[in-house]
Amino acid sequence: GLSLGKWSAETYSGSEAGVCHFFGCISLELFGKPSALIGHLERIVNGVVASERAEGHEKIYYHGEKEAKARERSMRIGIDLDQKTRNSIASLAGKHAIPTPKELL
């Protein structure tokens, strides 16, 4: 990557994770009228989602859709934590004299 991080297949090889991120900003006007560009991209996404599904699969997800649905669910009903994580949070709360929410116990 641009920050000399590892690429996908090598991310967790070696002693360090090597995760890197790149953020960039591009003016949509460089590609034409923004509303037309957005409409064009929406048609592409809709076309992909409406494509023939692989055998045994009922839905095609666009990039980030599963994460967006998980966030909506978490905001609505909370985040499910495994018992080890609950215990760790309760331990840290106790160590720092912070009341432990009963939901964690």
Protein backbone atom coordinates (compact mmCIF):
# COMPACT_ATOMS: atom_id res chain seq x y z
CA GLY A 1 0.00 0.00 0.00
CA LEU A 2 0.93 3.65 -0.15
CA SER A 3 1.99 3.58 3.51
CA LEU A 4 4.20 0.53 2.89
CA GLY A 5 1.69 -1.73 4.61
CA LYS A 6 1.15 -5.30 3.48
CA TRP A 7 -1.36 -6.28 0.84
CA SER A 8 -4.36 -8.50 1.68
CA ALA A 9 -2.73 -11.94 1.42
CA GLU A 10 0.18 -10.83 3.62
CA THR A 11 -1.70 -8.74 6.21
CA TYR A 12 -1.25 -11.14 9.12
CA SER A 13 2.05 -12.75 8.15
CA GLY A 14 5.09 -12.06 10.30
CA SER A 15 5.19 -10.46 13.72
CA GLU A 16 3.17 -7.35 12.88
CA ALA A 17 -0.25 -7.10 11.27
CA GLY A 18 0.87 -4.60 8.64
CA VAL A 19 -2.57 -3.05 8.30
CA CYS A 20 -2.63 0.17 6.31
CA HIS A 21 -5.29 2.59 5.14
CA PHE A 22 -5.45 5.21 2.43
CA PHE A 23 -7.97 8.02 2.37
CA GLY A 24 -8.36 10.34 -0.55
CA CYS A 25 -10.75 13.09 -1.62
CA ILE A 26 -11.73 13.65 -5.21
CA SER A 27 -14.09 16.32 -6.43
CA LEU A 28 -17.01 14.62 -8.17
CA GLU A 29 -17.20 17.58 -10.56
CA LEU A 30 -14.03 16.26 -12.22
CA PHE A 31 -16.14 13.42 -13.63
CA GLY A 32 -19.17 15.47 -14.66
CA LYS A 33 -22.38 16.51 -12.95
CA PRO A 34 -22.40 14.92 -9.44
CA SER A 35 -26.11 14.01 -9.55
CA ALA A 36 -25.61 12.23 -12.89
CA LEU A 37 -22.57 10.38 -11.54
CA ILE A 38 -24.47 9.28 -8.43
CA GLY A 39 -27.38 8.09 -10.57
CA HIS A 40 -24.98 6.16 -12.81
CA LEU A 41 -23.31 4.48 -9.82
CA GLU A 42 -26.70 3.61 -8.32
CA ARG A 43 -27.67 1.89 -11.60
CA ILE A 44 -24.44 -0.13 -11.50
CA VAL A 45 -25.00 -1.21 -7.88
CA ASN A 46 -28.64 -2.07 -8.61
CA GLY A 47 -27.55 -4.10 -11.63
CA VAL A 48 -25.00 -6.05 -9.60
CA VAL A 49 -27.48 -6.71 -6.78
CA ALA A 50 -30.09 -7.88 -9.31
CA SER A 51 -27.64 -10.24 -11.05
CA GLU A 52 -28.01 -14.00 -11.11
CA ARG A 53 -27.06 -15.45 -7.76
CA ALA A 54 -24.57 -18.23 -7.18
CA GLU A 55 -26.09 -21.59 -6.36
CA GLY A 56 -27.15 -21.76 -2.73
CA HIS A 57 -27.17 -17.98 -2.22
CA GLU A 58 -30.28 -15.83 -2.02
CA LYS A 59 -28.75 -12.34 -2.09
CA ILE A 60 -25.87 -10.40 -3.60
CA TYR A 61 -24.52 -7.77 -1.23
CA TYR A 62 -22.84 -4.56 -2.34
CA HIS A 63 -19.66 -3.42 -0.58
CA GLY A 64 -20.44 -2.32 2.97
CA GLU A 65 -24.08 -3.47 2.97
CA LYS A 66 -23.61 -6.21 5.58
CA GLU A 67 -21.73 -3.80 7.83
CA ALA A 68 -24.44 -1.14 7.47
CA LYS A 69 -27.13 -3.68 8.39
CA ALA A 70 -25.07 -4.87 11.38
CA ARG A 71 -24.68 -1.26 12.56
CA GLU A 72 -28.42 -0.63 12.24
CA ARG A 73 -29.10 -3.78 14.27
CA SER A 74 -26.53 -2.82 16.92
CA MET A 75 -27.98 0.68 17.25
CA ARG A 76 -31.46 -0.82 17.64
CA ILE A 77 -30.80 -3.72 20.05
CA GLY A 78 -27.21 -3.29 21.23
CA ILE A 79 -23.98 -5.19 20.64
CA ASP A 80 -23.76 -8.86 21.53
CA LEU A 81 -20.59 -9.59 23.53
CA ASP A 82 -19.15 -13.02 24.27
CA GLN A 83 -18.66 -13.98 27.91
CA LYS A 84 -14.88 -13.52 27.82
CA THR A 85 -15.32 -9.90 26.68
CA ARG A 86 -18.02 -9.29 29.29
CA ASN A 87 -15.72 -10.64 32.00
CA SER A 88 -12.84 -8.47 30.77
CA ILE A 89 -14.96 -5.31 30.83
CA ALA A 90 -16.32 -6.17 34.29
CA SER A 91 -12.77 -6.76 35.54
CA LEU A 92 -11.55 -3.42 34.18
CA ALA A 93 -14.56 -1.65 35.67
CA GLY A 94 -13.83 -3.21 39.06
CA LYS A 95 -10.14 -2.31 38.84
CA HIS A 96 -11.04 1.34 38.22
CA ALA A 97 -13.99 1.51 40.65
CA ILE A 98 -16.52 1.99 37.86
CA PRO A 99 -19.96 0.45 38.43
CA THR A 100 -20.45 -2.58 36.19
CA PRO A 101 -23.68 -2.45 34.18
CA LYS A 102 -25.92 -5.36 35.17
CA GLU A 103 -26.23 -6.30 31.48
CA LEU A 104 -22.57 -7.35 31.52
CA LEU A 105 -22.95 -9.75 34.42
